[in-house]
Amino acid sequence: MPRGISKCPNCGEPVSPFAAGCAICGADLEAARARQAQKRQLELPGLPSFGGAGGVDWAQLLIALILAVALSPLGLLLSAYWAFRHFRYGETTMVVLMCATGAMAVAAILDPFWFGSHLGV
């Protein structure tokens, strides 16, 4: 639980970072900290998700696949970032797909001529 409240949100008096309530007006500081923590939760920047929770985000997968083949280093970095992001939210299907896309980018980096000749690029 964050301890970012130094003044009572109700009366403005200074409060201890570990106080459960304000000594002057009795305001519930734990609830105020919970509201503050909820406001601080930020979404990582990225593309909008079309797959929903646990589904496949087809737009993100298509972009990762195209970049893995065309611009392999960028595709690898982006796939790793998106895999980590989906891992944080427990979306295992997208984690596996992003790891597979990253593996494809690694294969394209290691042997671009073989990879391109088998894809017709």
C-alpha atoms as a PDB file:
ATOM      1  CA  MET A   1       0.000   0.000   0.000  1.00  0.00           C
ATOM      2  CA  PRO A   2       1.534   3.347  -0.990  1.00  0.00           C
ATOM      3  CA  ARG A   3       2.248   5.823   1.780  1.00  0.00           C
ATOM      4  CA  GLY A   4       2.033   8.985  -0.358  1.00  0.00           C
ATOM      5  CA  ILE A   5      -0.356  10.968   1.850  1.00  0.00           C
ATOM      6  CA  SER A   6       1.347  13.606   3.991  1.00  0.00           C
ATOM      7  CA  LYS A   7      -1.734  15.771   4.618  1.00  0.00           C
ATOM      8  CA  CYS A   8      -5.262  14.799   5.543  1.00  0.00           C
ATOM      9  CA  PRO A   9      -7.490  14.964   2.438  1.00  0.00           C
ATOM     10  CA  ASN A  10     -10.373  16.165   4.625  1.00  0.00           C
ATOM     11  CA  CYS A  11      -8.903  18.899   6.834  1.00  0.00           C
ATOM     12  CA  GLY A  12      -5.400  19.426   5.391  1.00  0.00           C
ATOM     13  CA  GLU A  13      -3.509  18.792   8.650  1.00  0.00           C
ATOM     14  CA  PRO A  14      -0.125  17.012   8.398  1.00  0.00           C
ATOM     15  CA  VAL A  15      -0.378  13.279   9.115  1.00  0.00           C
ATOM     16  CA  SER A  16       2.106  10.483   9.711  1.00  0.00           C
ATOM     17  CA  PRO A  17       2.775   8.279   6.660  1.00  0.00           C
ATOM     18  CA  PHE A  18       1.716   5.254   8.741  1.00  0.00           C
ATOM     19  CA  ALA A  19      -1.421   6.698  10.359  1.00  0.00           C
ATOM     20  CA  ALA A  20      -4.679   4.863   9.766  1.00  0.00           C
ATOM     21  CA  GLY A  21      -6.773   7.946  10.436  1.00  0.00           C
ATOM     22  CA  CYS A  22      -6.445  11.694  10.938  1.00  0.00           C
ATOM     23  CA  ALA A  23      -5.937  12.708  14.589  1.00  0.00           C
ATOM     24  CA  ILE A  24      -7.806  15.994  14.042  1.00  0.00           C
ATOM     25  CA  CYS A  25     -10.926  15.108  12.032  1.00  0.00           C
ATOM     26  CA  GLY A  26     -10.850  11.281  12.065  1.00  0.00           C
ATOM     27  CA  ALA A  27     -10.807  10.847   8.265  1.00  0.00           C
ATOM     28  CA  ASP A  28      -9.986   7.333   7.040  1.00  0.00           C
ATOM     29  CA  LEU A  29      -6.485   7.649   5.560  1.00  0.00           C
ATOM     30  CA  GLU A  30      -6.306   3.996   4.455  1.00  0.00           C
ATOM     31  CA  ALA A  31      -9.271   4.548   2.135  1.00  0.00           C
ATOM     32  CA  ALA A  32      -7.649   7.733   0.823  1.00  0.00           C
ATOM     33  CA  ARG A  33      -4.425   5.807   0.155  1.00  0.00           C
ATOM     34  CA  ALA A  34      -6.369   3.094  -1.666  1.00  0.00           C
ATOM     35  CA  ARG A  35      -8.062   5.715  -3.870  1.00  0.00           C
ATOM     36  CA  GLN A  36      -4.687   7.330  -4.550  1.00  0.00           C
ATOM     37  CA  ALA A  37      -3.135   3.963  -5.459  1.00  0.00           C
ATOM     38  CA  GLN A  38      -6.008   3.251  -7.828  1.00  0.00           C
ATOM     39  CA  LYS A  39      -5.442   6.581  -9.583  1.00  0.00           C
ATOM     40  CA  ARG A  40      -1.715   5.848  -9.899  1.00  0.00           C
ATOM     41  CA  GLN A  41      -2.183   2.578 -11.756  1.00  0.00           C
ATOM     42  CA  LEU A  42      -1.172   3.405 -15.297  1.00  0.00           C
ATOM     43  CA  GLU A  43      -1.676   1.336 -18.411  1.00  0.00           C
ATOM     44  CA  LEU A  44       1.465   0.688 -20.395  1.00  0.00           C
ATOM     45  CA  PRO A  45       1.384   2.337 -23.792  1.00  0.00           C
ATOM     46  CA  GLY A  46       0.593   0.056 -26.669  1.00  0.00           C
ATOM     47  CA  LEU A  47      -1.927  -0.782 -29.310  1.00  0.00           C
ATOM     48  CA  PRO A  48      -5.586  -1.185 -28.399  1.00  0.00           C
ATOM     49  CA  SER A  49      -6.537  -4.756 -27.582  1.00  0.00           C
ATOM     50  CA  PHE A  50      -9.143  -6.363 -29.806  1.00  0.00           C
ATOM     51  CA  GLY A  51      -8.933  -9.851 -28.327  1.00  0.00           C
ATOM     52  CA  GLY A  52     -10.149  -9.142 -24.816  1.00  0.00           C
ATOM     53  CA  ALA A  53      -8.836 -10.898 -21.729  1.00  0.00           C
ATOM     54  CA  GLY A  54      -7.375 -14.287 -22.562  1.00  0.00           C
ATOM     55  CA  GLY A  55      -8.102 -13.968 -26.276  1.00  0.00           C
ATOM     56  CA  VAL A  56      -5.863 -13.360 -29.237  1.00  0.00           C
ATOM     57  CA  ASP A  57      -5.156  -9.780 -30.239  1.00  0.00           C
ATOM     58  CA  TRP A  58      -4.988 -10.347 -33.991  1.00  0.00           C
ATOM     59  CA  ALA A  59      -3.846  -6.836 -34.882  1.00  0.00           C
ATOM     60  CA  GLN A  60      -0.927  -7.005 -32.469  1.00  0.00           C
ATOM     61  CA  LEU A  61      -0.006 -10.500 -33.637  1.00  0.00           C
ATOM     62  CA  LEU A  62      -0.072  -9.445 -37.297  1.00  0.00           C
ATOM     63  CA  ILE A  63       2.148  -6.426 -36.619  1.00  0.00           C
ATOM     64  CA  ALA A  64       4.610  -8.578 -34.662  1.00  0.00           C
ATOM     65  CA  LEU A  65       4.737 -11.177 -37.456  1.00  0.00           C
ATOM     66  CA  ILE A  66       5.328  -8.587 -40.171  1.00  0.00           C
ATOM     67  CA  LEU A  67       8.095  -6.926 -38.160  1.00  0.00           C
ATOM     68  CA  ALA A  68       9.667 -10.302 -37.290  1.00  0.00           C
ATOM     69  CA  VAL A  69      10.058 -11.051 -41.014  1.00  0.00           C
ATOM     70  CA  ALA A  70      10.724  -7.585 -42.448  1.00  0.00           C
ATOM     71  CA  LEU A  71      12.646  -5.838 -39.632  1.00  0.00           C
ATOM     72  CA  SER A  72      13.836  -8.722 -37.481  1.00  0.00           C
ATOM     73  CA  PRO A  73      15.666  -6.816 -34.692  1.00  0.00           C
ATOM     74  CA  LEU A  74      12.711  -4.488 -34.185  1.00  0.00           C
ATOM     75  CA  GLY A  75      10.316  -7.445 -34.385  1.00  0.00           C
ATOM     76  CA  LEU A  76      12.306  -9.272 -31.714  1.00  0.00           C
ATOM     77  CA  LEU A  77      12.292  -6.284 -29.361  1.00  0.00           C
ATOM     78  CA  LEU A  78       8.618  -5.575 -29.858  1.00  0.00           C
ATOM     79  CA  SER A  79       7.656  -9.237 -29.429  1.00  0.00           C
ATOM     80  CA  ALA A  80       9.645  -9.418 -26.191  1.00  0.00           C
ATOM     81  CA  TYR A  81       8.009  -6.229 -24.895  1.00  0.00           C
ATOM     82  CA  TRP A  82       4.503  -7.424 -25.740  1.00  0.00           C
ATOM     83  CA  ALA A  83       5.199 -10.894 -24.292  1.00  0.00           C
ATOM     84  CA  PHE A  84       6.277  -9.269 -21.016  1.00  0.00           C
ATOM     85  CA  ARG A  85       3.254  -6.993 -21.026  1.00  0.00           C
ATOM     86  CA  HIS A  86       0.834  -9.867 -21.612  1.00  0.00           C
ATOM     87  CA  PHE A  87       2.641 -11.948 -18.969  1.00  0.00           C
ATOM     88  CA  ARG A  88       2.003  -9.199 -16.411  1.00  0.00           C
ATOM     89  CA  TYR A  89      -1.728  -9.402 -17.113  1.00  0.00           C
ATOM     90  CA  GLY A  90      -1.850 -13.209 -17.167  1.00  0.00           C
ATOM     91  CA  GLU A  91      -2.705 -13.546 -20.868  1.00  0.00           C
ATOM     92  CA  THR A  92      -0.851 -16.804 -21.534  1.00  0.00           C
ATOM     93  CA  THR A  93      -2.123 -17.283 -25.091  1.00  0.00           C
ATOM     94  CA  MET A  94      -0.625 -14.002 -26.230  1.00  0.00           C
ATOM     95  CA  VAL A  95       2.594 -14.684 -24.282  1.00  0.00           C
ATOM     96  CA  VAL A  96       3.094 -17.930 -26.196  1.00  0.00           C
ATOM     97  CA  LEU A  97       2.283 -16.292 -29.539  1.00  0.00           C
ATOM     98  CA  MET A  98       4.648 -13.369 -28.885  1.00  0.00           C
ATOM     99  CA  CYS A  99       7.426 -15.798 -27.853  1.00  0.00           C
ATOM    100  CA  ALA A 100       6.884 -17.739 -31.091  1.00  0.00           C
ATOM    101  CA  THR A 101       7.037 -14.489 -33.063  1.00  0.00           C
ATOM    102  CA  GLY A 102      10.244 -13.575 -31.225  1.00  0.00           C
ATOM    103  CA  ALA A 103      11.711 -16.989 -32.107  1.00  0.00           C
ATOM    104  CA  MET A 104      10.836 -16.333 -35.740  1.00  0.00           C
ATOM    105  CA  ALA A 105      12.663 -12.997 -35.552  1.00  0.00           C
ATOM    106  CA  VAL A 106      15.717 -14.704 -34.033  1.00  0.00           C
ATOM    107  CA  ALA A 107      15.712 -17.253 -36.871  1.00  0.00           C
ATOM    108  CA  ALA A 108      15.529 -14.425 -39.403  1.00  0.00           C
ATOM    109  CA  ILE A 109      18.411 -12.632 -37.711  1.00  0.00           C
ATOM    110  CA  LEU A 110      20.639 -15.723 -37.537  1.00  0.00           C
ATOM    111  CA  ASP A 111      20.131 -16.888 -41.108  1.00  0.00           C
ATOM    112  CA  PRO A 112      18.298 -14.283 -43.188  1.00  0.00           C
ATOM    113  CA  PHE A 113      18.993 -15.947 -46.549  1.00  0.00           C
ATOM    114  CA  TRP A 114      17.574 -19.342 -45.566  1.00  0.00           C
ATOM    115  CA  PHE A 115      14.617 -17.765 -43.817  1.00  0.00           C
ATOM    116  CA  GLY A 116      13.812 -15.461 -46.737  1.00  0.00           C
ATOM    117  CA  SER A 117      14.153 -18.205 -49.374  1.00  0.00           C
ATOM    118  CA  HIS A 118      11.663 -20.446 -47.552  1.00  0.00           C
ATOM    119  CA  LEU A 119       9.119 -17.671 -47.154  1.00  0.00           C
ATOM    120  CA  GLY A 120       9.475 -16.446 -50.721  1.00  0.00           C
ATOM    121  CA  VAL A 121      10.790 -13.043 -49.635  1.00  0.00           C
END
